Amino acid sequence: VWIALDKPTYGIHGTPDPSKIGKTESHGCVRLTNWDARELAKLVSPGVTVEFVGGPSADNLAQQ
């Protein structure tokens, strides 16, 4: 499942390898288990606002 976000190449998607969840493996994607990605895709509509909260600040990310 691929849920595209407004920024090109950024999205929310599933992975067949749950051990990769929560690790930096890309440049902006949000990785979920395949089953969670399928469930989320059923719950959202095109155009829905996605807001990320509680994560590292942009300054911290730029330093990584």
PDB file of N, CA and C in Angstrom:
ATOM      1  N   VAL A   1       0.849  -1.179   0.000  1.00  0.00           N
ATOM      2  CA  VAL A   1       0.000   0.000   0.000  1.00  0.00           C
ATOM      3  C   VAL A   1       0.889   1.235   0.000  1.00  0.00           C
ATOM      4  N   TRP A   2       0.554   2.206  -0.838  1.00  0.00           N
ATOM      5  CA  TRP A   2       1.261   3.485  -0.904  1.00  0.00           C
ATOM      6  C   TRP A   2       0.238   4.594  -0.737  1.00  0.00           C
ATOM      7  N   ILE A   3       0.420   5.436   0.295  1.00  0.00           N
ATOM      8  CA  ILE A   3      -0.426   6.605   0.515  1.00  0.00           C
ATOM      9  C   ILE A   3       0.468   7.808   0.247  1.00  0.00           C
ATOM     10  N   ALA A   4       0.254   8.458  -0.893  1.00  0.00           N
ATOM     11  CA  ALA A   4       1.100   9.584  -1.294  1.00  0.00           C
ATOM     12  C   ALA A   4       0.805  10.811  -0.442  1.00  0.00           C
ATOM     13  N   LEU A   5       1.844  11.583  -0.155  1.00  0.00           N
ATOM     14  CA  LEU A   5       1.712  12.860   0.535  1.00  0.00           C
ATOM     15  C   LEU A   5       1.978  13.972  -0.477  1.00  0.00           C
ATOM     16  N   ASP A   6       1.749  15.226  -0.094  1.00  0.00           N
ATOM     17  CA  ASP A   6       1.906  16.346  -1.027  1.00  0.00           C
ATOM     18  C   ASP A   6       3.323  16.503  -1.565  1.00  0.00           C
ATOM     19  N   LYS A   7       4.313  16.203  -0.761  1.00  0.00           N
ATOM     20  CA  LYS A   7       5.694  16.355  -1.205  1.00  0.00           C
ATOM     21  C   LYS A   7       6.059  15.155  -2.078  1.00  0.00           C
ATOM     22  N   PRO A   8       6.553  15.405  -3.300  1.00  0.00           N
ATOM     23  CA  PRO A   8       6.874  14.293  -4.199  1.00  0.00           C
ATOM     24  C   PRO A   8       7.823  13.292  -3.546  1.00  0.00           C
ATOM     25  N   THR A   9       7.578  12.041  -3.768  1.00  0.00           N
ATOM     26  CA  THR A   9       8.319  10.871  -3.274  1.00  0.00           C
ATOM     27  C   THR A   9       8.135  10.608  -1.787  1.00  0.00           C
ATOM     28  N   TYR A  10       7.346  11.417  -1.080  1.00  0.00           N
ATOM     29  CA  TYR A  10       7.071  11.169   0.333  1.00  0.00           C
ATOM     30  C   TYR A  10       5.738  10.448   0.450  1.00  0.00           C
ATOM     31  N   GLY A  11       5.668   9.474   1.319  1.00  0.00           N
ATOM     32  CA  GLY A  11       4.419   8.763   1.495  1.00  0.00           C
ATOM     33  C   GLY A  11       4.412   7.896   2.740  1.00  0.00           C
ATOM     34  N   ILE A  12       3.293   7.247   2.925  1.00  0.00           N
ATOM     35  CA  ILE A  12       3.112   6.290   4.008  1.00  0.00           C
ATOM     36  C   ILE A  12       2.926   4.941   3.327  1.00  0.00           C
ATOM     37  N   HIS A  13       3.681   3.950   3.752  1.00  0.00           N
ATOM     38  CA  HIS A  13       3.590   2.654   3.080  1.00  0.00           C
ATOM     39  C   HIS A  13       3.907   1.518   4.034  1.00  0.00           C
ATOM     40  N   GLY A  14       3.576   0.328   3.590  1.00  0.00           N
ATOM     41  CA  GLY A  14       3.849  -0.866   4.368  1.00  0.00           C
ATOM     42  C   GLY A  14       5.205  -1.451   4.030  1.00  0.00           C
ATOM     43  N   THR A  15       5.650  -2.359   4.884  1.00  0.00           N
ATOM     44  CA  THR A  15       6.884  -3.104   4.646  1.00  0.00           C
ATOM     45  C   THR A  15       6.660  -4.559   5.048  1.00  0.00           C
ATOM     46  N   PRO A  16       7.236  -5.489   4.304  1.00  0.00           N
ATOM     47  CA  PRO A  16       7.129  -6.888   4.697  1.00  0.00           C
ATOM     48  C   PRO A  16       8.087  -7.244   5.840  1.00  0.00           C
ATOM     49  N   ASP A  17       8.959  -6.295   6.223  1.00  0.00           N
ATOM     50  CA  ASP A  17       9.950  -6.548   7.269  1.00  0.00           C
ATOM     51  C   ASP A  17       9.711  -5.612   8.455  1.00  0.00           C
ATOM     52  N   PRO A  18       8.862  -6.015   9.410  1.00  0.00           N
ATOM     53  CA  PRO A  18       8.537  -5.148  10.546  1.00  0.00           C
ATOM     54  C   PRO A  18       9.747  -4.680  11.359  1.00  0.00           C
ATOM     55  N   SER A  19      10.886  -5.357  11.267  1.00  0.00           N
ATOM     56  CA  SER A  19      12.071  -4.915  12.016  1.00  0.00           C
ATOM     57  C   SER A  19      12.614  -3.584  11.498  1.00  0.00           C
ATOM     58  N   LYS A  20      12.194  -3.160  10.310  1.00  0.00           N
ATOM     59  CA  LYS A  20      12.653  -1.885   9.741  1.00  0.00           C
ATOM     60  C   LYS A  20      11.801  -0.699  10.181  1.00  0.00           C
ATOM     61  N   ILE A  21      10.697  -0.954  10.864  1.00  0.00           N
ATOM     62  CA  ILE A  21       9.825   0.129  11.314  1.00  0.00           C
ATOM     63  C   ILE A  21      10.544   0.924  12.401  1.00  0.00           C
ATOM     64  N   GLY A  22      10.494   2.250  12.271  1.00  0.00           N
ATOM     65  CA  GLY A  22      11.125   3.119  13.255  1.00  0.00           C
ATOM     66  C   GLY A  22      12.593   3.393  13.001  1.00  0.00           C
ATOM     67  N   LYS A  23      13.122   2.870  11.897  1.00  0.00           N
ATOM     68  CA  LYS A  23      14.525   3.100  11.551  1.00  0.00           C
ATOM     69  C   LYS A  23      14.594   3.983  10.309  1.00  0.00           C
ATOM     70  N   THR A  24      15.638   4.789  10.226  1.00  0.00           N
ATOM     71  CA  THR A  24      15.827   5.647   9.062  1.00  0.00           C
ATOM     72  C   THR A  24      16.313   4.796   7.901  1.00  0.00           C
ATOM     73  N   GLU A  25      15.469   4.640   6.904  1.00  0.00           N
ATOM     74  CA  GLU A  25      15.809   3.839   5.730  1.00  0.00           C
ATOM     75  C   GLU A  25      15.492   4.594   4.447  1.00  0.00           C
ATOM     76  N   SER A  26      14.910   5.789   4.581  1.00  0.00           N
ATOM     77  CA  SER A  26      14.511   6.535   3.392  1.00  0.00           C
ATOM     78  C   SER A  26      14.618   8.022   3.688  1.00  0.00           C
ATOM     79  N   HIS A  27      14.103   8.824   2.793  1.00  0.00           N
ATOM     80  CA  HIS A  27      14.197  10.279   2.922  1.00  0.00           C
ATOM     81  C   HIS A  27      12.834  10.904   3.150  1.00  0.00           C
ATOM     82  N   GLY A  28      12.057  10.357   4.052  1.00  0.00           N
ATOM     83  CA  GLY A  28      10.802  11.007   4.384  1.00  0.00           C
ATOM     84  C   GLY A  28       9.577  10.128   4.405  1.00  0.00           C
ATOM     85  N   CYS A  29       9.709   8.875   4.085  1.00  0.00           N
ATOM     86  CA  CYS A  29       8.543   7.999   4.125  1.00  0.00           C
ATOM     87  C   CYS A  29       8.261   7.554   5.558  1.00  0.00           C
ATOM     88  N   VAL A  30       7.017   7.195   5.771  1.00  0.00           N
ATOM     89  CA  VAL A  30       6.601   6.616   7.046  1.00  0.00           C
ATOM     90  C   VAL A  30       6.308   5.149   6.778  1.00  0.00           C
ATOM     91  N   ARG A  31       7.013   4.284   7.443  1.00  0.00           N
ATOM     92  CA  ARG A  31       6.883   2.851   7.221  1.00  0.00           C
ATOM     93  C   ARG A  31       6.023   2.235   8.312  1.00  0.00           C
ATOM     94  N   LEU A  32       5.039   1.458   7.893  1.00  0.00           N
ATOM     95  CA  LEU A  32       4.150   0.729   8.799  1.00  0.00           C
ATOM     96  C   LEU A  32       4.216  -0.748   8.449  1.00  0.00           C
ATOM     97  N   THR A  33       3.655  -1.588   9.302  1.00  0.00           N
ATOM     98  CA  THR A  33       3.485  -2.981   8.888  1.00  0.00           C
ATOM     99  C   THR A  33       2.524  -2.986   7.706  1.00  0.00           C
ATOM    100  N   ASN A  34       2.599  -3.998   6.881  1.00  0.00           N
ATOM    101  CA  ASN A  34       1.684  -4.069   5.733  1.00  0.00           C
ATOM    102  C   ASN A  34       0.231  -4.051   6.183  1.00  0.00           C
ATOM    103  N   TRP A  35      -0.080  -4.758   7.274  1.00  0.00           N
ATOM    104  CA  TRP A  35      -1.473  -4.810   7.719  1.00  0.00           C
ATOM    105  C   TRP A  35      -1.938  -3.457   8.254  1.00  0.00           C
ATOM    106  N   ASP A  36      -1.064  -2.714   8.933  1.00  0.00           N
ATOM    107  CA  ASP A  36      -1.447  -1.380   9.404  1.00  0.00           C
ATOM    108  C   ASP A  36      -1.607  -0.405   8.238  1.00  0.00           C
ATOM    109  N   ALA A  37      -0.756  -0.506   7.236  1.00  0.00           N
ATOM    110  CA  ALA A  37      -0.869   0.367   6.065  1.00  0.00           C
ATOM    111  C   ALA A  37      -2.182   0.108   5.331  1.00  0.00           C
ATOM    112  N   ARG A  38      -2.570  -1.152   5.194  1.00  0.00           N
ATOM    113  CA  ARG A  38      -3.851  -1.474   4.540  1.00  0.00           C
ATOM    114  C   ARG A  38      -5.019  -0.905   5.334  1.00  0.00           C
ATOM    115  N   GLU A  39      -4.971  -1.031   6.655  1.00  0.00           N
ATOM    116  CA  GLU A  39      -6.051  -0.516   7.506  1.00  0.00           C
ATOM    117  C   GLU A  39      -6.125   1.006   7.426  1.00  0.00           C
ATOM    118  N   LEU A  40      -4.979   1.677   7.483  1.00  0.00           N
ATOM    119  CA  LEU A  40      -4.960   3.133   7.386  1.00  0.00           C
ATOM    120  C   LEU A  40      -5.518   3.597   6.045  1.00  0.00           C
ATOM    121  N   ALA A  41      -5.156   2.913   4.968  1.00  0.00           N
ATOM    122  CA  ALA A  41      -5.643   3.290   3.638  1.00  0.00           C
ATOM    123  C   ALA A  41      -7.168   3.225   3.564  1.00  0.00           C
ATOM    124  N   LYS A  42      -7.781   2.324   4.300  1.00  0.00           N
ATOM    125  CA  LYS A  42      -9.251   2.230   4.326  1.00  0.00           C
ATOM    126  C   LYS A  42      -9.877   3.400   5.078  1.00  0.00           C
ATOM    127  N   LEU A  43      -9.127   4.006   6.001  1.00  0.00           N
ATOM    128  CA  LEU A  43      -9.678   5.028   6.892  1.00  0.00           C
ATOM    129  C   LEU A  43      -9.511   6.460   6.391  1.00  0.00           C
ATOM    130  N   VAL A  44      -8.636   6.685   5.414  1.00  0.00           N
ATOM    131  CA  VAL A  44      -8.386   8.048   4.945  1.00  0.00           C
ATOM    132  C   VAL A  44      -8.904   8.237   3.525  1.00  0.00           C
ATOM    133  N   SER A  45      -9.178   9.486   3.186  1.00  0.00           N
ATOM    134  CA  SER A  45      -9.655   9.853   1.852  1.00  0.00           C
ATOM    135  C   SER A  45      -8.618  10.748   1.187  1.00  0.00           C
ATOM    136  N   PRO A  46      -8.600  10.784  -0.151  1.00  0.00           N
ATOM    137  CA  PRO A  46      -7.699  11.718  -0.834  1.00  0.00           C
ATOM    138  C   PRO A  46      -7.949  13.147  -0.348  1.00  0.00           C
ATOM    139  N   GLY A  47      -6.875  13.863  -0.108  1.00  0.00           N
ATOM    140  CA  GLY A  47      -6.980  15.247   0.338  1.00  0.00           C
ATOM    141  C   GLY A  47      -6.981  15.432   1.842  1.00  0.00           C
ATOM    142  N   VAL A  48      -7.021  14.336   2.599  1.00  0.00           N
ATOM    143  CA  VAL A  48      -7.013  14.447   4.058  1.00  0.00           C
ATOM    144  C   VAL A  48      -5.680  15.070   4.507  1.00  0.00           C
ATOM    145  N   THR A  49      -5.733  15.900   5.533  1.00  0.00           N
ATOM    146  CA  THR A  49      -4.530  16.528   6.070  1.00  0.00           C
ATOM    147  C   THR A  49      -3.783  15.532   6.949  1.00  0.00           C
ATOM    148  N   VAL A  50      -2.490  15.425   6.726  1.00  0.00           N
ATOM    149  CA  VAL A  50      -1.627  14.562   7.532  1.00  0.00           C
ATOM    150  C   VAL A  50      -0.711  15.468   8.340  1.00  0.00           C
ATOM    151  N   GLU A  51      -0.694  15.271   9.637  1.00  0.00           N
ATOM    152  CA  GLU A  51       0.158  16.077  10.514  1.00  0.00           C
ATOM    153  C   GLU A  51       0.993  15.145  11.371  1.00  0.00           C
ATOM    154  N   PHE A  52       2.289  15.373  11.380  1.00  0.00           N
ATOM    155  CA  PHE A  52       3.195  14.572  12.189  1.00  0.00           C
ATOM    156  C   PHE A  52       3.501  15.343  13.461  1.00  0.00           C
ATOM    157  N   VAL A  53       3.275  14.725  14.598  1.00  0.00           N
ATOM    158  CA  VAL A  53       3.508  15.383  15.887  1.00  0.00           C
ATOM    159  C   VAL A  53       4.337  14.474  16.784  1.00  0.00           C
ATOM    160  N   GLY A  54       5.066  15.087  17.701  1.00  0.00           N
ATOM    161  CA  GLY A  54       5.781  14.311  18.702  1.00  0.00           C
ATOM    162  C   GLY A  54       7.075  13.688  18.255  1.00  0.00           C
ATOM    163  N   GLY A  55       7.536  14.017  17.063  1.00  0.00           N
ATOM    164  CA  GLY A  55       8.790  13.455  16.591  1.00  0.00           C
ATOM    165  C   GLY A  55       9.937  14.416  16.794  1.00  0.00           C
ATOM    166  N   PRO A  56      11.101  14.077  16.252  1.00  0.00           N
ATOM    167  CA  PRO A  56      12.255  14.965  16.370  1.00  0.00           C
ATOM    168  C   PRO A  56      12.014  16.271  15.625  1.00  0.00           C
ATOM    169  N   SER A  57      12.656  17.327  16.068  1.00  0.00           N
ATOM    170  CA  SER A  57      12.493  18.621  15.408  1.00  0.00           C
ATOM    171  C   SER A  57      13.200  18.617  14.062  1.00  0.00           C
ATOM    172  N   ALA A  58      12.831  19.537  13.196  1.00  0.00           N
ATOM    173  CA  ALA A  58      13.460  19.649  11.883  1.00  0.00           C
ATOM    174  C   ALA A  58      14.957  19.913  12.022  1.00  0.00           C
ATOM    175  N   ASP A  59      15.363  20.691  13.026  1.00  0.00           N
ATOM    176  CA  ASP A  59      16.785  20.958  13.239  1.00  0.00           C
ATOM    177  C   ASP A  59      17.541  19.674  13.552  1.00  0.00           C
ATOM    178  N   ASN A  60      16.962  18.826  14.382  1.00  0.00           N
ATOM    179  CA  ASN A  60      17.613  17.557  14.713  1.00  0.00           C
ATOM    180  C   ASN A  60      17.708  16.654  13.498  1.00  0.00           C
ATOM    181  N   LEU A  61      16.672  16.636  12.674  1.00  0.00           N
ATOM    182  CA  LEU A  61      16.686  15.797  11.481  1.00  0.00           C
ATOM    183  C   LEU A  61      17.747  16.259  10.498  1.00  0.00           C
ATOM    184  N   ALA A  62      17.915  17.571  10.363  1.00  0.00           N
ATOM    185  CA  ALA A  62      18.897  18.110   9.429  1.00  0.00           C
ATOM    186  C   ALA A  62      20.316  17.711   9.819  1.00  0.00           C
ATOM    187  N   GLN A  63      20.553  17.467  11.093  1.00  0.00           N
ATOM    188  CA  GLN A  63      21.887  17.106  11.563  1.00  0.00           C
ATOM    189  C   GLN A  63      22.182  15.623  11.394  1.00  0.00           C
ATOM    190  N   GLN A  64      21.175  14.816  11.122  1.00  0.00           N
ATOM    191  CA  GLN A  64      21.382  13.365  11.003  1.00  0.00           C
ATOM    192  C   GLN A  64      21.947  12.998   9.657  1.00  0.00           C
TER     193      GLN A  64
END
